[in-house]
C-alpha atoms as a PDB file:
ATOM      1  CA  MET A   1     139.365  49.101  -5.843  1.00  0.00           C
ATOM      2  CA  LYS A   2     142.103  50.756  -3.836  1.00  0.00           C
ATOM      3  CA  LEU A   3     141.006  52.796  -0.835  1.00  0.00           C
ATOM      4  CA  THR A   4     141.979  56.420  -1.221  1.00  0.00           C
ATOM      5  CA  PRO A   5     142.477  58.894   1.633  1.00  0.00           C
ATOM      6  CA  ILE A   6     139.867  61.621   1.639  1.00  0.00           C
ATOM      7  CA  ILE A   7     141.072  65.168   1.136  1.00  0.00           C
ATOM      8  CA  LEU A   8     138.558  67.432   2.832  1.00  0.00           C
ATOM      9  CA  ASN A   9     138.570  70.325   0.402  1.00  0.00           C
ATOM     10  CA  SER A  10     135.454  72.286  -0.546  1.00  0.00           C
ATOM     11  CA  GLU A  11     134.794  70.144  -3.619  1.00  0.00           C
ATOM     12  CA  ASN A  12     134.878  66.859  -1.702  1.00  0.00           C
ATOM     13  CA  VAL A  13     132.848  68.191   1.229  1.00  0.00           C
ATOM     14  CA  SER A  14     130.246  69.423  -1.249  1.00  0.00           C
ATOM     15  CA  GLY A  15     130.244  66.024  -2.942  1.00  0.00           C
ATOM     16  CA  ILE A  16     129.868  64.100   0.330  1.00  0.00           C
ATOM     17  CA  THR A  17     127.082  66.279   1.724  1.00  0.00           C
ATOM     18  CA  GLY A  18     125.381  66.378  -1.668  1.00  0.00           C
ATOM     19  CA  CYS A  19     125.323  62.570  -1.930  1.00  0.00           C
ATOM     20  CA  ILE A  20     124.055  62.219   1.643  1.00  0.00           C
ATOM     21  CA  SER A  21     121.347  64.757   0.826  1.00  0.00           C
ATOM     22  CA  ILE A  22     120.318  62.765  -2.245  1.00  0.00           C
ATOM     23  CA  SER A  23     120.300  59.557  -0.174  1.00  0.00           C
ATOM     24  CA  CYS A  24     117.987  61.182   2.386  1.00  0.00           C
ATOM     25  CA  TRP A  25     115.645  62.530  -0.266  1.00  0.00           C
ATOM     26  CA  ILE A  26     115.433  59.156  -2.019  1.00  0.00           C
ATOM     27  CA  VAL A  27     113.991  57.509   1.102  1.00  0.00           C
ATOM     28  CA  VAL A  28     112.209  60.517   2.638  1.00  0.00           C
ATOM     29  CA  PHE A  29     108.734  59.491   1.478  1.00  0.00           C
ATOM     30  CA  VAL A  30     109.065  55.772   2.236  1.00  0.00           C
ATOM     31  CA  PRO A  31     108.395  55.971   6.025  1.00  0.00           C
ATOM     32  CA  GLN A  32     105.216  58.020   5.523  1.00  0.00           C
ATOM     33  CA  ILE A  33     103.933  55.857   2.662  1.00  0.00           C
ATOM     34  CA  TYR A  34     104.561  52.789   4.829  1.00  0.00           C
ATOM     35  CA  GLU A  35     102.887  54.462   7.826  1.00  0.00           C
ATOM     36  CA  ASN A  36      99.766  55.199   5.786  1.00  0.00           C
ATOM     37  CA  PHE A  37      99.730  51.679   4.338  1.00  0.00           C
ATOM     38  CA  THR A  38     100.023  49.895   7.697  1.00  0.00           C
ATOM     39  CA  ARG A  39      97.410  52.121   9.352  1.00  0.00           C
ATOM     40  CA  LYS A  40      95.137  52.032   6.271  1.00  0.00           C
ATOM     41  CA  SER A  41      94.595  55.701   7.019  1.00  0.00           C
ATOM     42  CA  SER A  42      96.157  59.047   6.217  1.00  0.00           C
ATOM     43  CA  ASP A  43      94.190  61.092   8.746  1.00  0.00           C
ATOM     44  CA  GLY A  44      97.421  62.308  10.341  1.00  0.00           C
ATOM     45  CA  LEU A  45      98.471  64.129   7.170  1.00  0.00           C
ATOM     46  CA  SER A  46      97.033  67.383   5.904  1.00  0.00           C
ATOM     47  CA  LEU A  47      95.832  66.939   2.326  1.00  0.00           C
ATOM     48  CA  LEU A  48      96.679  70.591   1.631  1.00  0.00           C
ATOM     49  CA  PHE A  49     100.227  69.882   2.854  1.00  0.00           C
ATOM     50  CA  ILE A  50     100.628  67.127   0.241  1.00  0.00           C
ATOM     51  CA  ILE A  51      99.039  69.191  -2.553  1.00  0.00           C
ATOM     52  CA  LEU A  52     101.272  72.213  -1.918  1.00  0.00           C
ATOM     53  CA  TRP A  53     104.358  69.989  -1.680  1.00  0.00           C
ATOM     54  CA  LEU A  54     103.376  68.302  -4.952  1.00  0.00           C
ATOM     55  CA  LEU A  55     102.976  71.665  -6.696  1.00  0.00           C
ATOM     56  CA  GLY A  56     106.302  72.784  -5.240  1.00  0.00           C
ATOM     57  CA  ASP A  57     108.039  69.702  -6.630  1.00  0.00           C
ATOM     58  CA  ILE A  58     106.441  70.241 -10.047  1.00  0.00           C
ATOM     59  CA  PHE A  59     107.718  73.830 -10.195  1.00  0.00           C
ATOM     60  CA  ASN A  60     111.076  72.625  -8.879  1.00  0.00           C
ATOM     61  CA  LEU A  61     111.264  70.022 -11.666  1.00  0.00           C
ATOM     62  CA  VAL A  62     110.394  72.533 -14.382  1.00  0.00           C
ATOM     63  CA  GLY A  63     112.831  75.092 -12.978  1.00  0.00           C
ATOM     64  CA  ALA A  64     115.649  72.537 -12.711  1.00  0.00           C
ATOM     65  CA  MET A  65     115.148  71.503 -16.337  1.00  0.00           C
ATOM     66  CA  MET A  66     115.051  75.095 -17.582  1.00  0.00           C
ATOM     67  CA  GLN A  67     118.098  76.099 -15.523  1.00  0.00           C
ATOM     68  CA  HIS A  68     119.962  73.047 -16.919  1.00  0.00           C
ATOM     69  CA  LEU A  69     120.928  71.753 -13.500  1.00  0.00           C
ATOM     70  CA  LEU A  70     122.696  68.431 -12.978  1.00  0.00           C
ATOM     71  CA  THR A  71     120.970  65.391 -14.481  1.00  0.00           C
ATOM     72  CA  THR A  72     120.814  63.771 -11.045  1.00  0.00           C
ATOM     73  CA  MET A  73     118.937  66.791  -9.667  1.00  0.00           C
ATOM     74  CA  ILE A  74     116.414  66.625 -12.513  1.00  0.00           C
ATOM     75  CA  ILE A  75     115.890  62.876 -12.025  1.00  0.00           C
ATOM     76  CA  LEU A  76     115.435  63.390  -8.282  1.00  0.00           C
ATOM     77  CA  ALA A  77     112.938  66.201  -8.884  1.00  0.00           C
ATOM     78  CA  ALA A  78     110.927  63.839 -11.096  1.00  0.00           C
ATOM     79  CA  TYR A  79     111.157  61.119  -8.430  1.00  0.00           C
ATOM     80  CA  TYR A  80     109.914  63.525  -5.745  1.00  0.00           C
ATOM     81  CA  THR A  81     106.935  64.401  -7.917  1.00  0.00           C
ATOM     82  CA  LEU A  82     106.080  60.714  -8.359  1.00  0.00           C
ATOM     83  CA  ALA A  83     106.354  60.062  -4.606  1.00  0.00           C
ATOM     84  CA  ASP A  84     104.125  63.072  -3.907  1.00  0.00           C
ATOM     85  CA  ILE A  85     101.522  61.640  -6.250  1.00  0.00           C
ATOM     86  CA  ILE A  86     101.633  58.311  -4.369  1.00  0.00           C
ATOM     87  CA  LEU A  87     101.070  60.128  -1.061  1.00  0.00           C
ATOM     88  CA  TRP A  88      98.238  62.135  -2.612  1.00  0.00           C
ATOM     89  CA  ILE A  89      96.601  58.936  -3.916  1.00  0.00           C
ATOM     90  CA  GLN A  90      96.884  57.409  -0.432  1.00  0.00           C
ATOM     91  CA  CYS A  91      95.222  60.470   1.095  1.00  0.00           C
ATOM     92  CA  ILE A  92      92.332  60.173  -1.366  1.00  0.00           C
ATOM     93  CA  TRP A  93      92.092  56.370  -1.064  1.00  0.00           C
ATOM     94  CA  TYR A  94      92.129  56.308   2.720  1.00  0.00           C
ATOM     95  CA  SER A  95      90.073  59.499   3.042  1.00  0.00           C
ATOM     96  CA  GLY A  96      87.691  59.191   5.971  1.00  0.00           C
ATOM     97  CA  ASN A  97      89.149  55.886   7.179  1.00  0.00           C
ATOM     98  CA  GLY A  98      90.080  57.464  10.490  1.00  0.00           C
ATOM     99  CA  LYS A  99      86.415  58.208  11.094  1.00  0.00           C
ATOM    100  CA  MET A 100      85.048  55.034   9.553  1.00  0.00           C
ATOM    101  CA  VAL A 101      87.141  52.635  11.590  1.00  0.00           C
ATOM    102  CA  ASP A 102      85.047  51.180  14.368  1.00  0.00           C
ATOM    103  CA  GLU A 103      86.319  52.454  17.701  1.00  0.00           C
ATOM    104  CA  ALA A 104      85.700  49.159  19.440  1.00  0.00           C
ATOM    105  CA  THR A 105      87.837  47.410  16.836  1.00  0.00           C
ATOM    106  CA  SER A 106      90.554  50.006  17.318  1.00  0.00           C
ATOM    107  CA  VAL A 107      90.582  49.455  21.059  1.00  0.00           C
ATOM    108  CA  GLU A 108      90.404  45.699  20.644  1.00  0.00           C
ATOM    109  CA  SER A 109      93.391  45.697  18.315  1.00  0.00           C
ATOM    110  CA  VAL A 110      95.413  47.400  21.025  1.00  0.00           C
ATOM    111  CA  TYR A 111      94.253  45.377  23.976  1.00  0.00           C
ATOM    112  CA  GLU A 112      94.230  41.937  22.368  1.00  0.00           C
ATOM    113  CA  THR A 113      97.981  41.940  21.884  1.00  0.00           C
ATOM    114  CA  ASP A 114      99.674  44.634  23.919  1.00  0.00           C
ATOM    115  CA  PRO A 115      98.268  43.970  27.416  1.00  0.00           C
ATOM    116  CA  LEU A 116      98.743  40.205  27.106  1.00  0.00           C
ATOM    117  CA  LEU A 117     102.438  40.700  26.563  1.00  0.00           C
ATOM    118  CA  GLN A 118     102.596  43.632  28.918  1.00  0.00           C
ATOM    119  CA  SER A 119     100.809  41.781  31.745  1.00  0.00           C
ATOM    120  CA  ARG A 120     103.433  39.056  31.740  1.00  0.00           C
ATOM    121  CA  ARG A 121     106.026  41.731  31.982  1.00  0.00           C
ATOM    122  CA  ASP A 122     104.285  43.935  34.510  1.00  0.00           C
ATOM    123  CA  VAL A 123     102.542  41.562  36.966  1.00  0.00           C
ATOM    124  CA  ILE A 124     104.228  39.026  39.247  1.00  0.00           C
ATOM    125  CA  THR A 125     102.171  36.841  41.571  1.00  0.00           C
ATOM    126  CA  TYR A 126     103.871  35.353  44.668  1.00  0.00           C
ATOM    127  CA  ILE A 127     102.220  32.698  46.873  1.00  0.00           C
ATOM    128  CA  PRO A 128     104.010  32.009  50.205  1.00  0.00           C
ATOM    129  CA  ASP A 129     104.293  28.511  51.706  1.00  0.00           C
ATOM    130  CA  ASN A 130     101.933  29.346  54.585  1.00  0.00           C
ATOM    131  CA  GLY A 131      99.009  29.360  52.162  1.00  0.00           C
ATOM    132  CA  ASP A 132      98.320  33.076  52.391  1.00  0.00           C
ATOM    133  CA  SER A 133      98.083  34.396  48.909  1.00  0.00           C
ATOM    134  CA  GLU A 134      99.802  37.684  48.385  1.00  0.00           C
ATOM    135  CA  VAL A 135     100.106  39.531  45.137  1.00  0.00           C
ATOM    136  CA  TYR A 136     103.039  41.730  44.343  1.00  0.00           C
ATOM    137  CA  ILE A 137     102.766  43.920  41.273  1.00  0.00           C
ATOM    138  CA  THR A 138     105.999  45.036  39.723  1.00  0.00           C
ATOM    139  CA  THR A 139     105.627  47.569  36.960  1.00  0.00           C
ATOM    140  CA  ILE A 140     108.214  47.698  34.241  1.00  0.00           C
ATOM    141  CA  PRO A 141     107.702  50.599  31.826  1.00  0.00           C
ATOM    142  CA  ALA A 142     106.790  48.571  28.749  1.00  0.00           C
ATOM    143  CA  LYS A 143     106.038  51.708  26.756  1.00  0.00           C
ATOM    144  CA  GLU A 144     109.492  53.021  27.546  1.00  0.00           C
ATOM    145  CA  VAL A 145     111.001  49.759  26.316  1.00  0.00           C
ATOM    146  CA  ARG A 146     109.076  50.038  23.052  1.00  0.00           C
ATOM    147  CA  LYS A 147     110.100  53.666  22.639  1.00  0.00           C
ATOM    148  CA  THR A 148     113.736  52.766  23.249  1.00  0.00           C
ATOM    149  CA  ASN A 149     113.596  49.963  20.684  1.00  0.00           C
ATOM    150  CA  MET A 150     111.918  52.272  18.178  1.00  0.00           C
ATOM    151  CA  SER A 151     114.550  54.955  18.769  1.00  0.00           C
ATOM    152  CA  LEU A 152     117.336  52.432  18.204  1.00  0.00           C
ATOM    153  CA  ASN A 153     115.674  51.204  15.012  1.00  0.00           C
ATOM    154  CA  ASN A 154     115.277  54.770  13.756  1.00  0.00           C
ATOM    155  CA  LEU A 155     118.906  55.527  14.605  1.00  0.00           C
ATOM    156  CA  LEU A 156     120.042  52.447  12.675  1.00  0.00           C
ATOM    157  CA  ILE A 157     117.933  53.433   9.655  1.00  0.00           C
ATOM    158  CA  VAL A 158     119.310  56.985   9.662  1.00  0.00           C
ATOM    159  CA  PHE A 159     122.894  55.735   9.980  1.00  0.00           C
ATOM    160  CA  THR A 160     122.360  53.301   7.093  1.00  0.00           C
ATOM    161  CA  VAL A 161     120.989  56.032   4.827  1.00  0.00           C
ATOM    162  CA  ILE A 162     123.852  58.409   5.677  1.00  0.00           C
ATOM    163  CA  PHE A 163     126.411  55.636   5.137  1.00  0.00           C
ATOM    164  CA  ALA A 164     124.818  54.733   1.790  1.00  0.00           C
ATOM    165  CA  GLY A 165     125.087  58.365   0.719  1.00  0.00           C
ATOM    166  CA  PHE A 166     128.741  58.503   1.728  1.00  0.00           C
ATOM    167  CA  ILE A 167     129.550  55.246  -0.088  1.00  0.00           C
ATOM    168  CA  SER A 168     127.807  56.504  -3.240  1.00  0.00           C
ATOM    169  CA  TRP A 169     130.322  59.358  -3.243  1.00  0.00           C
ATOM    170  CA  TYR A 170     133.373  57.420  -2.045  1.00  0.00           C
ATOM    171  CA  ILE A 171     133.313  54.624  -4.658  1.00  0.00           C
ATOM    172  CA  PRO A 172     133.568  57.009  -7.636  1.00  0.00           C
ATOM    173  CA  TYR A 173     136.134  59.003  -5.658  1.00  0.00           C
ATOM    174  CA  CYS A 174     138.363  55.922  -5.220  1.00  0.00           C
ATOM    175  CA  SER A 175     137.771  54.733  -8.776  1.00  0.00           C
ATOM    176  CA  ARG A 176     138.514  58.178 -10.180  1.00  0.00           C
ATOM    177  CA  ILE A 177     135.242  58.082 -12.070  1.00  0.00           C
ATOM    178  CA  PRO A 178     134.659  61.544 -13.523  1.00  0.00           C
ATOM    179  CA  VAL A 179     131.763  63.294 -11.848  1.00  0.00           C
ATOM    180  CA  GLU A 180     129.315  65.319 -13.879  1.00  0.00           C
ATOM    181  CA  LYS A 181     130.411  68.924 -13.715  1.00  0.00           C
ATOM    182  CA  THR A 182     128.087  71.712 -12.747  1.00  0.00           C
ATOM    183  CA  PRO A 183     126.842  73.517 -15.868  1.00  0.00           C
ATOM    184  CA  ASP A 184     127.888  77.116 -16.439  1.00  0.00           C
ATOM    185  CA  LEU A 185     125.883  79.448 -14.257  1.00  0.00           C
ATOM    186  CA  ARG A 186     123.694  81.542 -16.499  1.00  0.00           C
ATOM    187  CA  MET A 187     120.694  83.257 -15.042  1.00  0.00           C
ATOM    188  CA  ASN A 188     117.476  81.947 -16.578  1.00  0.00           C
ATOM    189  CA  TRP A 189     114.816  84.276 -15.264  1.00  0.00           C
ATOM    190  CA  LEU A 190     111.876  82.045 -16.125  1.00  0.00           C
ATOM    191  CA  ALA A 191     113.582  79.142 -14.359  1.00  0.00           C
ATOM    192  CA  GLN A 192     114.180  81.427 -11.380  1.00  0.00           C
ATOM    193  CA  VAL A 193     110.473  82.305 -11.304  1.00  0.00           C
ATOM    194  CA  PHE A 194     109.622  78.598 -11.116  1.00  0.00           C
ATOM    195  CA  GLY A 195     112.293  78.156  -8.450  1.00  0.00           C
ATOM    196  CA  TYR A 196     110.837  80.905  -6.272  1.00  0.00           C
ATOM    197  CA  LEU A 197     107.283  79.626  -6.785  1.00  0.00           C
ATOM    198  CA  GLY A 198     108.495  76.215  -5.631  1.00  0.00           C
ATOM    199  CA  ALA A 199     110.145  77.777  -2.574  1.00  0.00           C
ATOM    200  CA  VAL A 200     106.941  79.615  -1.623  1.00  0.00           C
ATOM    201  CA  LEU A 201     104.898  76.418  -2.022  1.00  0.00           C
ATOM    202  CA  TYR A 202     107.397  74.419   0.057  1.00  0.00           C
ATOM    203  CA  LEU A 203     107.194  77.017   2.817  1.00  0.00           C
ATOM    204  CA  GLY A 204     103.408  77.170   2.661  1.00  0.00           C
ATOM    205  CA  SER A 205     103.006  73.389   2.647  1.00  0.00           C
ATOM    206  CA  ARG A 206     104.218  72.968   6.233  1.00  0.00           C
ATOM    207  CA  ILE A 207     101.748  75.437   7.711  1.00  0.00           C
ATOM    208  CA  PRO A 208      98.585  73.278   7.206  1.00  0.00           C
ATOM    209  CA  GLN A 209     100.391  70.303   8.788  1.00  0.00           C
ATOM    210  CA  ILE A 210     101.510  72.381  11.766  1.00  0.00           C
ATOM    211  CA  ILE A 211      97.951  73.668  12.226  1.00  0.00           C
ATOM    212  CA  LEU A 212      96.491  70.139  11.940  1.00  0.00           C
ATOM    213  CA  ASN A 213      98.894  68.787  14.562  1.00  0.00           C
ATOM    214  CA  PHE A 214      98.045  71.709  16.841  1.00  0.00           C
ATOM    215  CA  LYS A 215      94.290  71.194  16.493  1.00  0.00           C
ATOM    216  CA  ARG A 216      94.560  67.451  17.129  1.00  0.00           C
ATOM    217  CA  ARG A 217      97.165  67.898  19.884  1.00  0.00           C
ATOM    218  CA  SER A 218      98.779  64.856  18.312  1.00  0.00           C
ATOM    219  CA  CYS A 219     101.269  63.760  15.656  1.00  0.00           C
ATOM    220  CA  GLU A 220      99.665  60.332  15.355  1.00  0.00           C
ATOM    221  CA  GLY A 221      99.767  59.074  11.780  1.00  0.00           C
ATOM    222  CA  VAL A 222     102.733  61.281  10.884  1.00  0.00           C
ATOM    223  CA  SER A 223     106.050  59.481  10.421  1.00  0.00           C
ATOM    224  CA  PHE A 224     108.881  60.907  12.522  1.00  0.00           C
ATOM    225  CA  LEU A 225     111.435  59.629   9.995  1.00  0.00           C
ATOM    226  CA  PHE A 226     109.569  61.435   7.211  1.00  0.00           C
ATOM    227  CA  PHE A 227     110.441  64.835   8.642  1.00  0.00           C
ATOM    228  CA  LEU A 228     113.791  63.712  10.035  1.00  0.00           C
ATOM    229  CA  PHE A 229     115.036  62.760   6.563  1.00  0.00           C
ATOM    230  CA  ALA A 230     113.583  65.999   5.180  1.00  0.00           C
ATOM    231  CA  CYS A 231     115.600  67.962   7.749  1.00  0.00           C
ATOM    232  CA  LEU A 232     118.790  66.011   7.082  1.00  0.00           C
ATOM    233  CA  GLY A 233     118.302  66.335   3.331  1.00  0.00           C
ATOM    234  CA  ASN A 234     117.891  70.107   3.558  1.00  0.00           C
ATOM    235  CA  ILE A 235     120.844  70.548   5.927  1.00  0.00           C
ATOM    236  CA  MET A 236     123.133  68.527   3.673  1.00  0.00           C
ATOM    237  CA  PHE A 237     121.878  70.274   0.523  1.00  0.00           C
ATOM    238  CA  ILE A 238     122.472  73.744   1.980  1.00  0.00           C
ATOM    239  CA  THR A 239     125.954  72.676   3.098  1.00  0.00           C
ATOM    240  CA  SER A 240     126.796  71.204  -0.320  1.00  0.00           C
ATOM    241  CA  VAL A 241     125.881  74.489  -2.013  1.00  0.00           C
ATOM    242  CA  LEU A 242     127.517  76.918   0.415  1.00  0.00           C
ATOM    243  CA  VAL A 243     130.902  75.162   0.684  1.00  0.00           C
ATOM    244  CA  VAL A 244     131.440  75.464  -3.071  1.00  0.00           C
ATOM    245  CA  SER A 245     131.433  79.226  -3.191  1.00  0.00           C
ATOM    246  CA  LEU A 246     130.095  82.319  -1.480  1.00  0.00           C
ATOM    247  CA  ASP A 247     130.338  84.356  -4.649  1.00  0.00           C
ATOM    248  CA  PRO A 248     127.274  86.647  -4.912  1.00  0.00           C
ATOM    249  CA  GLU A 249     126.460  85.590  -8.483  1.00  0.00           C
ATOM    250  CA  TYR A 250     126.655  81.908  -7.554  1.00  0.00           C
ATOM    251  CA  LEU A 251     124.442  82.442  -4.503  1.00  0.00           C
ATOM    252  CA  LEU A 252     121.954  84.481  -6.528  1.00  0.00           C
ATOM    253  CA  VAL A 253     121.467  81.679  -9.063  1.00  0.00           C
ATOM    254  CA  ASN A 254     120.905  79.139  -6.269  1.00  0.00           C
ATOM    255  CA  PHE A 255     119.071  81.459  -3.879  1.00  0.00           C
ATOM    256  CA  SER A 256     115.540  80.219  -4.601  1.00  0.00           C
ATOM    257  CA  TRP A 257     116.565  76.629  -3.868  1.00  0.00           C
ATOM    258  CA  LEU A 258     118.491  77.721  -0.762  1.00  0.00           C
ATOM    259  CA  LEU A 259     115.504  79.754   0.411  1.00  0.00           C
ATOM    260  CA  GLY A 260     113.148  76.802  -0.025  1.00  0.00           C
ATOM    261  CA  SER A 261     115.485  74.446   1.831  1.00  0.00           C
ATOM    262  CA  ALA A 262     116.295  76.827   4.700  1.00  0.00           C
ATOM    263  CA  GLY A 263     112.680  77.905   5.163  1.00  0.00           C
ATOM    264  CA  THR A 264     111.264  74.394   5.194  1.00  0.00           C
ATOM    265  CA  LEU A 265     114.064  73.317   7.541  1.00  0.00           C
ATOM    266  CA  PHE A 266     112.908  75.905  10.077  1.00  0.00           C
ATOM    267  CA  LEU A 267     109.253  74.841   9.765  1.00  0.00           C
ATOM    268  CA  ASP A 268     110.208  71.159   9.976  1.00  0.00           C
ATOM    269  CA  LEU A 269     111.902  71.943  13.288  1.00  0.00           C
ATOM    270  CA  VAL A 270     108.557  73.351  14.447  1.00  0.00           C
ATOM    271  CA  ILE A 271     106.932  70.025  13.531  1.00  0.00           C
ATOM    272  CA  PHE A 272     109.725  68.238  15.416  1.00  0.00           C
ATOM    273  CA  SER A 273     108.877  70.256  18.500  1.00  0.00           C
ATOM    274  CA  GLN A 274     105.271  69.080  18.101  1.00  0.00           C
ATOM    275  CA  PHE A 275     106.455  65.455  18.087  1.00  0.00           C
ATOM    276  CA  PHE A 276     108.150  65.974  21.440  1.00  0.00           C
ATOM    277  CA  LEU A 277     105.330  68.142  22.794  1.00  0.00           C
ATOM    278  CA  TYR A 278     102.431  65.874  21.845  1.00  0.00           C
ATOM    279  CA  GLY A 279     104.271  62.552  21.731  1.00  0.00           C
ATOM    280  CA  ASP A 280     102.104  59.758  20.338  1.00  0.00           C
ATOM    281  CA  LYS A 281      98.879  60.888  21.980  1.00  0.00           C
ATOM    282  CA  GLN A 282      95.667  59.455  20.607  1.00  0.00           C
ATOM    283  CA  HIS A 283      92.569  61.444  19.872  1.00  0.00           C
ATOM    284  CA  SER A 284      90.942  62.375  23.179  1.00  0.00           C
ATOM    285  CA  HIS A 285      87.815  60.292  22.586  1.00  0.00           C
ATOM    286  CA  THR A 286      89.752  57.182  21.636  1.00  0.00           C
ATOM    287  CA  SER A 287      92.067  57.698  24.591  1.00  0.00           C
ATOM    288  CA  ALA A 288      89.095  57.857  26.950  1.00  0.00           C
ATOM    289  CA  ILE A 289      87.767  54.574  25.578  1.00  0.00           C
ATOM    290  CA  MET A 290      91.170  52.928  25.966  1.00  0.00           C
ATOM    291  CA  ARG A 291      91.548  54.199  29.528  1.00  0.00           C
ATOM    292  CA  LYS A 292      88.123  52.823  30.409  1.00  0.00           C
ATOM    293  CA  SER A 293      89.035  49.475  28.872  1.00  0.00           C
ATOM    294  CA  LYS A 294      92.271  49.399  30.853  1.00  0.00           C
ATOM    295  CA  LEU A 295      90.428  50.212  34.080  1.00  0.00           C
ATOM    296  CA  ARG A 296      88.025  47.340  33.404  1.00  0.00           C
ATOM    297  CA  ASP A 297      90.973  45.004  32.882  1.00  0.00           C
ATOM    298  CA  GLU A 298      92.513  46.116  36.173  1.00  0.00           C
ATOM    299  CA  GLU A 299      89.200  45.719  38.020  1.00  0.00           C
ATOM    300  CA  ASP A 300      88.803  42.197  36.624  1.00  0.00           C
ATOM    301  CA  PHE A 301      92.348  41.362  37.712  1.00  0.00           C
ATOM    302  CA  TYR A 302      91.884  42.570  41.283  1.00  0.00           C
ATOM    303  CA  SER A 303      88.492  40.817  41.488  1.00  0.00           C
ATOM    304  CA  GLU A 304      90.160  37.569  40.467  1.00  0.00           C
ATOM    305  CA  CYS A 305      92.885  38.102  43.069  1.00  0.00           C
ATOM    306  CA  SER A 306      90.285  38.740  45.781  1.00  0.00           C
ATOM    307  CA  SER A 307      88.356  35.587  44.897  1.00  0.00           C
ATOM    308  CA  ASN A 308      91.574  33.546  45.066  1.00  0.00           C
ATOM    309  CA  ASN A 309      92.328  34.949  48.526  1.00  0.00           C
ATOM    310  CA  ARG A 310      88.978  33.695  49.758  1.00  0.00           C
END
């Protein structure tokens, strides 16, 4: 395959952003499904959020089929519906697990591994030659290290997904493989009704999740990458549509899908602000238990140091 220079005309920009959007939407559910699976709980997700999103994807699928959109868009709509069903099943399966999990076990799982590693990183004991035992405690922000590593991992994942989307466009571009052309734009009013219903459901789906995060003062159990890929997917989709044409008839046919993407993008940014506002705070009761456990660990440590000094 011979590498071909990229001509950045409207068609190619639409193709690149469209493929990146598809790449983001293919993986968008994976981080949240994995998050639920590893935690064996879906208490961070609003069940109403998943149900409304599922209904939105169903209407989107029906509308895409009736409007005779691209085959790839129809296949993706079906894939989204399947992924929604998996998330819904997880919510039902793990329902109540957040309350059923024994709090002592939850605390133990944190403090059996994390402090052991953290203590070796945070505490340094120095004994002078004169026999007087002195203890110097040097604190290295272990949480900051973990957050930095997680941010780098997330950045690598996002870059990989974007690169995969670009490559999926570039290979056919270099090979001169004919791309499926957009069908003739003919207004199908019933399809438009389904499209607008899907847009309303997409917009409404975010509200229960925003309210749940606000009530809990936490985004624990919600995957950051889940909403990040949703934002990227919507941004790229909107770009891929708008660079093709600003003709009123063209925009009118695609308006319901543009409305759904732009509206959910705004609400997803609200959820992003909650991530930065609440961080990874635990539920207040669990946090209190963990703080007490940490205080006990510190008291035991200083007691041991005092006994050694004697």
